[in-house]
Amino acid sequence: MSEGTPEAQTCRLVIDGASGAHANLALEEAMLRENRGLTVRLWTNEKSIIIGRAQLARFETDLDYCTRAGIPVVRRVTAGGTVFNGPGNVNWSLFVGRGFSAGDIRYIWGVAELFKMGAGVVTDASDRCGVKTWLDPPNRILSAGGKVSGMAAYISRDGLLCHGTFLLSADLEEAKRLTDPAEKTLERRYTRSRAMKMANTGIELGSFIASVRDVVAEKIGRELVADVPRESEVRVMESLMEKYRSQAWNLGDPFEG
């Protein structure tokens, strides 16, 4: 798609768009595939553990506890470490098509610069809500109390995704319990999570969403249009549901099969 087409210049805001951990992660991949302009997605999730693409779930969380408690463990399409989703946490996602460039938001072929761009949105929004945060390279956002957001990214020829968590008022004790990795050495190809002190920001969900919307609008010089997932994105999401519900994808070895 050329840079001049209307879809390549679309700037939209999607709140949620799916329900449940499996559907939420399937929609993330669907939007990555289908987005051609700029899509900002802010979404909440059920209590769940989200592992990185190159991780072995059994070494990154307590699978027995998750099974007993009915907590889904779902692999995402992006790399990085394991994160906790659930009450008191909001997820943010930036989808940027290859043909999109406006102000400070653009298609970037470089993960370090991409994380700076994503972190800039989150830290500016947090600051507006009265909480000072900053980027701890390459992909963590910190406050004075500890880590408040982690980021992961995926860059393709057609577009990119930079997304992360943001802690508002989560149960940090449970989050730590379920994201502390096992003390076991694995081959270097497997990404390992890093235990780190986490902190809530205490920001109200609605305030954070409004601040992100305003910050992005200022960075690109135009308003975001409130939207829902397009039909094409929903179709791709539905086609991906079998994968995102499968034990092989979520709990298996990412380098086998």
Protein backbone atom coordinates (compact mmCIF):
# COMPACT_ATOMS: atom_id res chain seq x y z
CA MET A 1 0.00 0.00 0.00
CA SER A 2 1.41 3.39 -0.97
CA GLU A 3 2.01 6.14 1.54
CA GLY A 4 -0.58 8.36 -0.09
CA THR A 5 -3.60 6.08 0.34
CA PRO A 6 -6.22 7.12 2.91
CA GLU A 7 -5.77 3.97 5.02
CA ALA A 8 -2.03 4.60 5.31
CA GLN A 9 -2.77 7.98 6.93
CA THR A 10 -5.57 6.83 9.25
CA CYS A 11 -5.05 7.64 12.94
CA ARG A 12 -7.37 5.74 15.27
CA LEU A 13 -7.87 4.81 18.90
CA VAL A 14 -9.25 1.39 19.81
CA ILE A 15 -10.30 0.71 23.40
CA ASP A 16 -10.22 -3.02 24.19
CA GLY A 17 -11.68 -4.69 21.05
CA ALA A 18 -11.60 -8.27 22.35
CA SER A 19 -12.40 -10.22 25.50
CA GLY A 20 -10.23 -12.82 27.21
CA ALA A 21 -6.50 -13.44 27.09
CA HIS A 22 -6.48 -15.68 24.01
CA ALA A 23 -8.61 -13.30 21.92
CA ASN A 24 -6.66 -10.25 23.10
CA LEU A 25 -3.35 -11.69 21.97
CA ALA A 26 -4.84 -12.96 18.72
CA LEU A 27 -6.15 -9.44 18.03
CA GLU A 28 -2.69 -8.00 18.64
CA GLU A 29 -1.26 -10.20 15.89
CA ALA A 30 -4.23 -9.49 13.62
CA MET A 31 -3.80 -5.74 13.98
CA LEU A 32 -0.08 -6.08 13.33
CA ARG A 33 -0.86 -7.84 10.07
CA GLU A 34 -3.70 -5.60 8.91
CA ASN A 35 -2.86 -2.10 10.17
CA ARG A 36 -1.50 0.32 7.56
CA GLY A 37 -1.84 3.69 9.28
CA LEU A 38 -1.56 4.41 13.00
CA THR A 39 -3.60 2.48 15.54
CA VAL A 40 -3.34 3.09 19.27
CA ARG A 41 -4.96 0.31 21.27
CA LEU A 42 -5.52 0.52 25.04
CA TRP A 43 -6.88 -2.67 26.52
CA THR A 44 -7.47 -4.52 29.75
CA ASN A 45 -7.21 -8.26 30.16
CA GLU A 46 -8.41 -10.99 32.46
CA LYS A 47 -5.94 -12.25 35.07
CA SER A 48 -3.39 -14.02 32.91
CA ILE A 49 0.30 -14.63 32.32
CA ILE A 50 1.66 -13.50 28.97
CA ILE A 51 4.97 -15.03 27.91
CA GLY A 52 7.37 -13.88 25.21
CA ARG A 53 7.65 -15.56 21.84
CA ALA A 54 11.01 -17.21 22.58
CA GLN A 55 10.29 -18.40 26.13
CA LEU A 56 9.56 -21.75 27.75
CA ALA A 57 6.51 -21.20 29.93
CA ARG A 58 7.41 -23.86 32.50
CA PHE A 59 10.54 -21.91 33.49
CA GLU A 60 8.90 -18.46 33.56
CA THR A 61 5.79 -18.99 35.70
CA ASP A 62 4.19 -21.46 38.12
CA LEU A 63 2.16 -23.57 35.69
CA ASP A 64 0.69 -25.79 38.41
CA TYR A 65 -0.64 -22.79 40.30
CA CYS A 66 -2.00 -21.23 37.11
CA THR A 67 -3.82 -24.46 36.25
CA ARG A 68 -5.36 -24.76 39.72
CA ALA A 69 -6.39 -21.10 39.74
CA GLY A 70 -7.69 -21.08 36.17
CA ILE A 71 -5.18 -18.43 35.07
CA PRO A 72 -4.49 -18.60 31.31
CA VAL A 73 -0.87 -18.67 30.17
CA VAL A 74 -0.66 -17.26 26.64
CA ARG A 75 2.28 -16.69 24.32
CA ARG A 76 2.40 -13.40 22.41
CA VAL A 77 3.85 -12.78 18.96
CA THR A 78 6.52 -10.39 20.28
CA ALA A 79 9.72 -11.30 22.11
CA GLY A 80 10.78 -10.27 25.62
CA GLY A 81 9.91 -11.53 29.07
CA THR A 82 6.86 -12.68 30.97
CA VAL A 83 4.29 -10.16 32.22
CA PHE A 84 1.27 -10.24 34.50
CA ASN A 85 -2.10 -9.03 33.21
CA GLY A 86 -5.25 -8.51 35.23
CA PRO A 87 -7.06 -6.05 37.47
CA GLY A 88 -5.10 -2.87 38.08
CA ASN A 89 -3.11 -3.21 34.85
CA VAL A 90 -3.70 -1.68 31.42
CA ASN A 91 -1.99 -2.71 28.20
CA TRP A 92 -1.02 -0.21 25.52
CA SER A 93 -0.19 -0.95 21.89
CA LEU A 94 1.14 1.19 19.05
CA PHE A 95 0.67 -0.18 15.53
CA VAL A 96 2.43 1.85 12.83
CA GLY A 97 2.19 1.01 9.14
CA ARG A 98 5.24 1.29 6.95
CA GLY A 99 3.73 4.19 5.05
CA PHE A 100 2.89 6.22 8.14
CA SER A 101 4.93 9.14 9.43
CA ALA A 102 3.56 12.10 11.36
CA GLY A 103 5.47 14.19 13.85
CA ASP A 104 7.20 11.99 16.40
CA ILE A 105 5.37 8.78 15.42
CA ARG A 106 6.62 6.87 12.39
CA TYR A 107 7.66 3.48 11.05
CA ILE A 108 11.11 2.71 12.48
CA TRP A 109 13.43 -0.09 11.47
CA GLY A 110 15.34 -0.37 14.73
CA VAL A 111 14.20 -1.78 18.06
CA ALA A 112 16.09 0.65 20.31
CA GLU A 113 14.58 3.68 18.56
CA LEU A 114 11.19 2.00 18.52
CA PHE A 115 11.28 1.50 22.29
CA LYS A 116 12.21 5.18 22.72
CA MET A 117 9.19 6.16 20.66
CA GLY A 118 6.82 3.91 22.60
CA ALA A 119 8.25 4.93 25.96
CA GLY A 120 7.89 8.58 25.01
CA VAL A 121 4.13 8.17 24.71
CA VAL A 122 3.82 6.34 28.03
CA THR A 123 6.13 8.54 30.07
CA ASP A 124 4.55 11.74 28.75
CA ALA A 125 1.08 10.39 29.56
CA SER A 126 2.19 9.32 33.02
CA ASP A 127 3.75 12.71 33.70
CA ARG A 128 0.47 14.40 32.79
CA CYS A 129 -1.21 12.23 35.41
CA GLY A 130 1.25 13.45 38.04
CA VAL A 131 3.61 10.45 38.13
CA LYS A 132 7.20 10.87 36.95
CA THR A 133 8.43 7.92 34.88
CA TRP A 134 11.38 7.35 32.56
CA LEU A 135 12.84 4.86 30.11
CA ASP A 136 15.39 2.39 31.48
CA PRO A 137 16.93 1.09 28.22
CA PRO A 138 16.26 -0.94 26.37
CA ASN A 139 12.62 -1.73 27.22
CA ARG A 140 11.62 -0.90 30.79
CA ILE A 141 9.80 2.13 32.15
CA LEU A 142 10.49 2.99 35.78
CA SER A 143 9.14 5.24 38.49
CA ALA A 144 10.77 6.08 41.81
CA GLY A 145 9.12 2.96 43.22
CA GLY A 146 10.22 0.47 40.58
CA LYS A 147 9.23 -0.95 37.20
CA VAL A 148 5.82 0.22 35.98
CA SER A 149 5.94 -0.99 32.38
CA GLY A 150 7.77 -3.45 30.18
CA MET A 151 7.81 -3.29 26.40
CA ALA A 152 8.10 -5.71 23.50
CA ALA A 153 8.12 -5.14 19.75
CA TYR A 154 7.77 -6.73 16.34
CA ILE A 155 8.87 -5.13 13.08
CA SER A 156 7.81 -6.45 9.68
CA ARG A 157 8.13 -5.12 6.13
CA ASP A 158 4.56 -3.79 6.33
CA GLY A 159 4.42 -2.33 9.82
CA LEU A 160 5.39 -2.54 13.44
CA LEU A 161 3.97 -3.20 16.86
CA CYS A 162 5.31 -1.79 20.12
CA HIS A 163 3.29 -2.76 23.16
CA GLY A 164 3.57 -3.07 26.90
CA THR A 165 1.93 -3.23 30.27
CA PHE A 166 1.32 -0.32 32.63
CA LEU A 167 0.73 -0.87 36.34
CA LEU A 168 -2.02 1.19 37.93
CA SER A 169 -3.12 -0.62 41.09
CA ALA A 170 -2.31 -4.30 40.54
CA ASP A 171 -1.74 -7.01 43.15
CA LEU A 172 2.05 -6.76 43.08
CA GLU A 173 2.57 -9.73 45.39
CA GLU A 174 0.72 -12.04 43.02
CA ALA A 175 2.33 -10.43 39.99
CA LYS A 176 5.77 -11.12 41.43
CA ARG A 177 4.89 -14.68 42.38
CA LEU A 178 3.71 -15.46 38.87
CA THR A 179 6.51 -13.76 36.93
CA ASP A 180 9.61 -14.70 38.93
CA PRO A 181 11.58 -17.06 36.65
CA ALA A 182 12.97 -20.41 37.76
CA GLU A 183 16.67 -20.40 38.59
CA LYS A 184 17.73 -22.62 35.73
CA THR A 185 20.21 -22.02 32.93
CA LEU A 186 18.79 -22.55 29.44
CA GLU A 187 20.24 -22.31 25.97
CA ARG A 188 20.81 -18.71 24.88
CA ARG A 189 18.11 -18.89 22.23
CA TYR A 190 15.45 -18.94 24.96
CA THR A 191 14.63 -15.53 26.40
CA ARG A 192 14.65 -15.44 30.20
CA SER A 193 12.62 -13.07 32.32
CA ARG A 194 14.41 -10.84 34.81
CA ALA A 195 13.04 -10.47 38.33
CA MET A 196 12.73 -6.80 39.16
CA LYS A 197 10.92 -4.71 41.76
CA MET A 198 7.57 -3.55 40.42
CA ALA A 199 5.52 -0.53 41.45
CA ASN A 200 2.00 0.75 40.93
CA THR A 201 1.56 4.28 39.64
CA GLY A 202 -1.80 4.82 41.34
CA ILE A 203 -3.12 6.45 38.16
CA GLU A 204 -6.82 6.01 37.40
CA LEU A 205 -7.53 4.02 34.22
CA GLY A 206 -9.66 6.67 32.55
CA SER A 207 -7.08 9.35 33.22
CA PHE A 208 -4.30 7.29 31.67
CA ILE A 209 -6.35 6.52 28.56
CA ALA A 210 -7.26 10.19 28.11
CA SER A 211 -3.64 11.24 28.59
CA VAL A 212 -2.32 8.73 26.05
CA ARG A 213 -4.90 9.93 23.53
CA ASP A 214 -3.92 13.57 24.06
CA VAL A 215 -0.17 12.88 24.00
CA VAL A 216 -0.35 10.96 20.73
CA ALA A 217 -2.57 13.63 19.17
CA GLU A 218 0.03 16.27 20.03
CA LYS A 219 2.91 14.16 18.75
CA ILE A 220 1.27 13.58 15.36
CA GLY A 221 -0.51 16.93 15.04
CA ARG A 222 -3.99 15.49 14.59
CA GLU A 223 -6.76 13.86 16.61
CA LEU A 224 -7.19 10.12 16.98
CA VAL A 225 -10.54 8.82 15.72
CA ALA A 226 -12.34 6.48 18.12
CA ASP A 227 -12.76 3.15 16.35
CA VAL A 228 -13.32 -0.58 16.74
CA PRO A 229 -11.43 -3.46 15.10
CA ARG A 230 -12.08 -3.57 11.36
CA GLU A 231 -13.79 -6.54 9.74
CA SER A 232 -10.49 -7.68 8.24
CA GLU A 233 -8.83 -7.58 11.67
CA VAL A 234 -11.68 -9.53 13.24
CA ARG A 235 -11.47 -12.17 10.51
CA VAL A 236 -7.73 -12.60 11.03
CA MET A 237 -8.21 -12.69 14.83
CA GLU A 238 -10.80 -15.45 14.48
CA SER A 239 -8.52 -17.41 12.16
CA LEU A 240 -5.75 -17.20 14.79
CA MET A 241 -7.85 -18.35 17.74
CA GLU A 242 -7.02 -22.02 17.29
CA LYS A 243 -3.34 -21.20 17.56
CA TYR A 244 -3.73 -18.94 20.58
CA ARG A 245 -5.81 -21.53 22.42
CA SER A 246 -3.43 -24.38 21.66
CA GLN A 247 -1.14 -25.92 24.27
CA ALA A 248 1.59 -26.31 21.64
CA TRP A 249 1.74 -22.54 21.01
CA ASN A 250 1.37 -21.43 24.61
CA LEU A 251 3.27 -24.06 26.57
CA GLY A 252 5.44 -25.83 24.02
CA ASP A 253 8.96 -25.21 22.78
CA PRO A 254 8.88 -22.19 20.42
CA PHE A 255 11.73 -23.65 18.38
CA GLU A 256 10.06 -27.00 17.69
CA GLY A 257 7.23 -27.89 15.36
